[in-house]
Amino acid sequence: MQLEGKIIGPWVAELRRAWESVREAIAPRPFTLDLSGVSFVDAEGIEALREIYAASHASFIANSPLTKHFAELVTGELNRNGK
């Protein structure tokens, strides 16, 4: 799933709707969240991404320090790495 722009406010609800529409279809296959085009994620957006990650064990495409940071917030890597 390729995400772009800001994951905030009404876009969080749209992300959840999009996820629910593909969730069952992708269940047996690997799932990737492409954050390359994301410029900001608020707390509610991080929570939505965490829900998707928990349900799918998604991998992330993150091409900048900012998008890598978002991926780390979602996966909990910041806490594991002591950063």
N, C-alpha and C. Protein backbone atom coordinates (compact mmCIF):
# COMPACT_ATOMS: atom_id res chain seq x y z
N MET A 1 0.86 -1.16 0.00
CA MET A 1 0.00 0.00 0.00
C MET A 1 0.90 1.22 0.00
N GLN A 2 0.72 2.07 -0.99
CA GLN A 2 1.53 3.28 -1.10
C GLN A 2 0.78 4.44 -0.47
N LEU A 3 1.42 5.09 0.48
CA LEU A 3 0.81 6.22 1.18
C LEU A 3 1.55 7.50 0.79
N GLU A 4 0.81 8.59 0.74
CA GLU A 4 1.41 9.88 0.37
C GLU A 4 0.81 10.99 1.19
N GLY A 5 1.58 12.07 1.32
CA GLY A 5 1.09 13.27 2.00
C GLY A 5 1.12 13.14 3.51
N LYS A 6 0.11 13.70 4.14
CA LYS A 6 0.01 13.73 5.59
C LYS A 6 -1.03 12.73 6.06
N ILE A 7 -0.67 11.92 7.03
CA ILE A 7 -1.62 10.97 7.61
C ILE A 7 -2.12 11.61 8.91
N ILE A 8 -3.13 12.44 8.74
CA ILE A 8 -3.70 13.23 9.84
C ILE A 8 -5.20 13.32 9.66
N GLY A 9 -5.90 13.63 10.75
CA GLY A 9 -7.33 13.93 10.71
C GLY A 9 -8.14 12.97 9.86
N PRO A 10 -8.87 13.48 8.89
CA PRO A 10 -9.76 12.63 8.10
C PRO A 10 -9.00 11.60 7.26
N TRP A 11 -7.73 11.85 7.00
CA TRP A 11 -6.95 10.91 6.21
C TRP A 11 -6.63 9.64 6.99
N VAL A 12 -6.65 9.72 8.30
CA VAL A 12 -6.46 8.52 9.13
C VAL A 12 -7.65 7.59 8.95
N ALA A 13 -8.84 8.16 8.97
CA ALA A 13 -10.05 7.35 8.75
C ALA A 13 -10.02 6.74 7.35
N GLU A 14 -9.57 7.49 6.37
CA GLU A 14 -9.47 6.97 5.00
C GLU A 14 -8.46 5.83 4.92
N LEU A 15 -7.34 5.97 5.63
CA LEU A 15 -6.35 4.88 5.69
C LEU A 15 -6.97 3.63 6.28
N ARG A 16 -7.70 3.78 7.36
CA ARG A 16 -8.35 2.62 7.98
C ARG A 16 -9.37 1.97 7.04
N ARG A 17 -10.13 2.79 6.33
CA ARG A 17 -11.10 2.25 5.35
C ARG A 17 -10.38 1.49 4.24
N ALA A 18 -9.30 2.07 3.74
CA ALA A 18 -8.54 1.41 2.67
C ALA A 18 -7.95 0.09 3.17
N TRP A 19 -7.42 0.09 4.39
CA TRP A 19 -6.86 -1.13 4.96
C TRP A 19 -7.94 -2.21 5.10
N GLU A 20 -9.09 -1.84 5.61
CA GLU A 20 -10.17 -2.82 5.78
C GLU A 20 -10.63 -3.39 4.44
N SER A 21 -10.54 -2.59 3.39
CA SER A 21 -10.99 -3.07 2.08
C SER A 21 -10.02 -4.09 1.46
N VAL A 22 -8.76 -4.08 1.89
CA VAL A 22 -7.79 -5.04 1.33
C VAL A 22 -7.34 -6.10 2.32
N ARG A 23 -7.68 -5.92 3.57
CA ARG A 23 -7.17 -6.78 4.64
C ARG A 23 -7.34 -8.27 4.37
N GLU A 24 -8.52 -8.71 4.07
CA GLU A 24 -8.76 -10.13 3.86
C GLU A 24 -8.09 -10.64 2.60
N ALA A 25 -8.05 -9.82 1.58
CA ALA A 25 -7.46 -10.25 0.30
C ALA A 25 -5.95 -10.46 0.40
N ILE A 26 -5.28 -9.69 1.25
CA ILE A 26 -3.82 -9.81 1.34
C ILE A 26 -3.35 -10.73 2.46
N ALA A 27 -4.28 -11.19 3.29
CA ALA A 27 -3.93 -11.94 4.50
C ALA A 27 -2.86 -13.00 4.31
N PRO A 28 -2.93 -13.84 3.29
CA PRO A 28 -1.91 -14.89 3.22
C PRO A 28 -0.59 -14.41 2.60
N ARG A 29 -0.55 -13.21 2.08
CA ARG A 29 0.65 -12.74 1.39
C ARG A 29 1.38 -11.67 2.19
N PRO A 30 2.67 -11.48 1.88
CA PRO A 30 3.40 -10.38 2.53
C PRO A 30 2.78 -9.03 2.15
N PHE A 31 2.83 -8.11 3.07
CA PHE A 31 2.22 -6.80 2.87
C PHE A 31 3.27 -5.73 3.12
N THR A 32 3.29 -4.72 2.27
CA THR A 32 4.26 -3.64 2.39
C THR A 32 3.54 -2.31 2.47
N LEU A 33 3.98 -1.48 3.40
CA LEU A 33 3.52 -0.10 3.50
C LEU A 33 4.63 0.81 2.98
N ASP A 34 4.36 1.50 1.91
CA ASP A 34 5.33 2.41 1.31
C ASP A 34 5.09 3.81 1.86
N LEU A 35 6.02 4.25 2.70
CA LEU A 35 5.91 5.57 3.33
C LEU A 35 6.73 6.63 2.60
N SER A 36 7.30 6.28 1.46
CA SER A 36 8.21 7.19 0.75
C SER A 36 7.61 8.57 0.47
N GLY A 37 6.33 8.63 0.22
CA GLY A 37 5.69 9.89 -0.09
C GLY A 37 5.01 10.57 1.08
N VAL A 38 5.25 10.07 2.29
CA VAL A 38 4.59 10.62 3.48
C VAL A 38 5.43 11.76 4.06
N SER A 39 4.77 12.87 4.34
CA SER A 39 5.48 14.04 4.87
C SER A 39 5.20 14.30 6.35
N PHE A 40 4.14 13.72 6.89
CA PHE A 40 3.81 13.92 8.31
C PHE A 40 2.81 12.86 8.74
N VAL A 41 2.96 12.40 9.99
CA VAL A 41 2.00 11.47 10.57
C VAL A 41 1.72 11.94 11.99
N ASP A 42 0.44 12.18 12.31
CA ASP A 42 0.11 12.58 13.68
C ASP A 42 -0.04 11.34 14.56
N ALA A 43 -0.33 11.54 15.84
CA ALA A 43 -0.42 10.42 16.79
C ALA A 43 -1.50 9.42 16.39
N GLU A 44 -2.63 9.91 15.90
CA GLU A 44 -3.70 9.02 15.48
C GLU A 44 -3.27 8.21 14.24
N GLY A 45 -2.50 8.84 13.37
CA GLY A 45 -1.99 8.16 12.19
C GLY A 45 -1.00 7.07 12.57
N ILE A 46 -0.13 7.37 13.54
CA ILE A 46 0.82 6.35 14.02
C ILE A 46 0.05 5.17 14.59
N GLU A 47 -1.00 5.45 15.35
CA GLU A 47 -1.80 4.37 15.94
C GLU A 47 -2.46 3.52 14.85
N ALA A 48 -2.98 4.16 13.81
CA ALA A 48 -3.58 3.41 12.70
C ALA A 48 -2.53 2.54 12.01
N LEU A 49 -1.35 3.08 11.79
CA LEU A 49 -0.28 2.30 11.18
C LEU A 49 0.15 1.14 12.08
N ARG A 50 0.15 1.37 13.39
CA ARG A 50 0.47 0.28 14.33
C ARG A 50 -0.56 -0.84 14.25
N GLU A 51 -1.83 -0.47 14.12
CA GLU A 51 -2.88 -1.48 13.99
C GLU A 51 -2.68 -2.31 12.72
N ILE A 52 -2.35 -1.64 11.63
CA ILE A 52 -2.11 -2.34 10.37
C ILE A 52 -0.88 -3.24 10.50
N TYR A 53 0.16 -2.71 11.11
CA TYR A 53 1.39 -3.48 11.30
C TYR A 53 1.14 -4.71 12.17
N ALA A 54 0.39 -4.54 13.24
CA ALA A 54 0.10 -5.66 14.15
C ALA A 54 -0.70 -6.75 13.44
N ALA A 55 -1.62 -6.35 12.58
CA ALA A 55 -2.47 -7.31 11.88
C ALA A 55 -1.77 -7.98 10.71
N SER A 56 -0.81 -7.30 10.11
CA SER A 56 -0.23 -7.80 8.86
C SER A 56 1.25 -8.14 8.94
N HIS A 57 1.93 -7.67 9.98
CA HIS A 57 3.39 -7.78 10.06
C HIS A 57 4.02 -7.21 8.80
N ALA A 58 3.51 -6.08 8.38
CA ALA A 58 3.94 -5.41 7.16
C ALA A 58 5.41 -5.06 7.21
N SER A 59 6.01 -5.02 6.05
CA SER A 59 7.33 -4.43 5.93
C SER A 59 7.13 -2.99 5.47
N PHE A 60 8.16 -2.18 5.62
CA PHE A 60 8.05 -0.77 5.28
C PHE A 60 9.06 -0.39 4.22
N ILE A 61 8.65 0.50 3.34
CA ILE A 61 9.57 1.19 2.44
C ILE A 61 9.66 2.60 2.97
N ALA A 62 10.86 2.98 3.36
CA ALA A 62 11.10 4.31 3.92
C ALA A 62 12.41 4.81 3.32
N ASN A 63 12.35 5.91 2.60
CA ASN A 63 13.50 6.36 1.84
C ASN A 63 14.18 7.62 2.36
N SER A 64 13.82 8.05 3.53
CA SER A 64 14.42 9.26 4.10
C SER A 64 14.49 9.09 5.61
N PRO A 65 15.30 9.92 6.27
CA PRO A 65 15.31 9.85 7.73
C PRO A 65 13.93 10.04 8.35
N LEU A 66 13.12 10.92 7.76
CA LEU A 66 11.79 11.17 8.30
C LEU A 66 10.89 9.94 8.17
N THR A 67 10.85 9.34 6.99
CA THR A 67 9.98 8.18 6.81
C THR A 67 10.51 6.97 7.59
N LYS A 68 11.82 6.87 7.74
CA LYS A 68 12.39 5.81 8.58
C LYS A 68 11.97 6.01 10.03
N HIS A 69 11.93 7.25 10.46
CA HIS A 69 11.48 7.56 11.82
C HIS A 69 10.02 7.14 12.02
N PHE A 70 9.16 7.45 11.04
CA PHE A 70 7.77 7.03 11.15
C PHE A 70 7.68 5.50 11.26
N ALA A 71 8.43 4.80 10.43
CA ALA A 71 8.41 3.33 10.46
C ALA A 71 8.89 2.82 11.82
N GLU A 72 9.91 3.45 12.37
CA GLU A 72 10.41 3.04 13.69
C GLU A 72 9.39 3.30 14.79
N LEU A 73 8.66 4.40 14.69
CA LEU A 73 7.61 4.67 15.67
C LEU A 73 6.53 3.59 15.63
N VAL A 74 6.20 3.15 14.44
CA VAL A 74 5.16 2.14 14.27
C VAL A 74 5.62 0.78 14.78
N THR A 75 6.83 0.38 14.43
CA THR A 75 7.30 -0.96 14.77
C THR A 75 7.87 -1.07 16.18
N GLY A 76 8.14 0.07 16.81
CA GLY A 76 8.74 0.04 18.13
C GLY A 76 10.25 -0.08 18.11
N GLU A 77 10.86 0.04 16.93
CA GLU A 77 12.30 -0.09 16.82
C GLU A 77 13.04 0.97 17.62
N LEU A 78 12.44 2.15 17.81
CA LEU A 78 13.10 3.17 18.59
C LEU A 78 13.36 2.67 20.01
N ASN A 79 12.38 2.00 20.60
CA ASN A 79 12.54 1.51 21.97
C ASN A 79 13.55 0.38 22.02
N ARG A 80 13.55 -0.51 21.06
CA ARG A 80 14.47 -1.64 21.05
C ARG A 80 15.90 -1.23 20.81
N ASN A 81 16.09 -0.17 20.02
CA ASN A 81 17.44 0.28 19.71
C ASN A 81 17.97 1.29 20.73
N GLY A 82 17.15 1.67 21.66
CA GLY A 82 17.57 2.62 22.68
C GLY A 82 17.73 4.03 22.17
N LYS A 83 17.10 4.36 21.08
CA LYS A 83 17.21 5.72 20.52
C LYS A 83 16.14 6.60 21.10
